[in-house]
Amino acid sequence: MSTPLGPLVDGQSRLRSGYKSLAETWSIVKEDWRDGRREQFERERLLALGPSLTRLSNALDNLRDCIVNADRELADTHGDEKF
């Protein structure tokens, strides 16, 4: 039996897609919004978002690898048993 990874992979894909959409929209919006409040919003809210999502994506990759390895080890363990 293996753990279904679809929801994990789907969630990771949705995060990437959502961030890409946000970045594209932000690049359009910031062309028309040129003041100190925009700079403050970008600095305080958006600049850290990309690196944070990259770290989250890397953590999800590691989690997926751990699940795959655990499934493999469990399958090997159960394969050695004789009924």
Foldseek 3Di string as FASTA:
>chain_A
DADDCVVLVVVLVVVVVVVVVVVVVVVVVCVVDDDPVNVVCCVVPPPVVVVVSVVVSVVSVVVVVVRVVVRVVVVVVVVPDDD
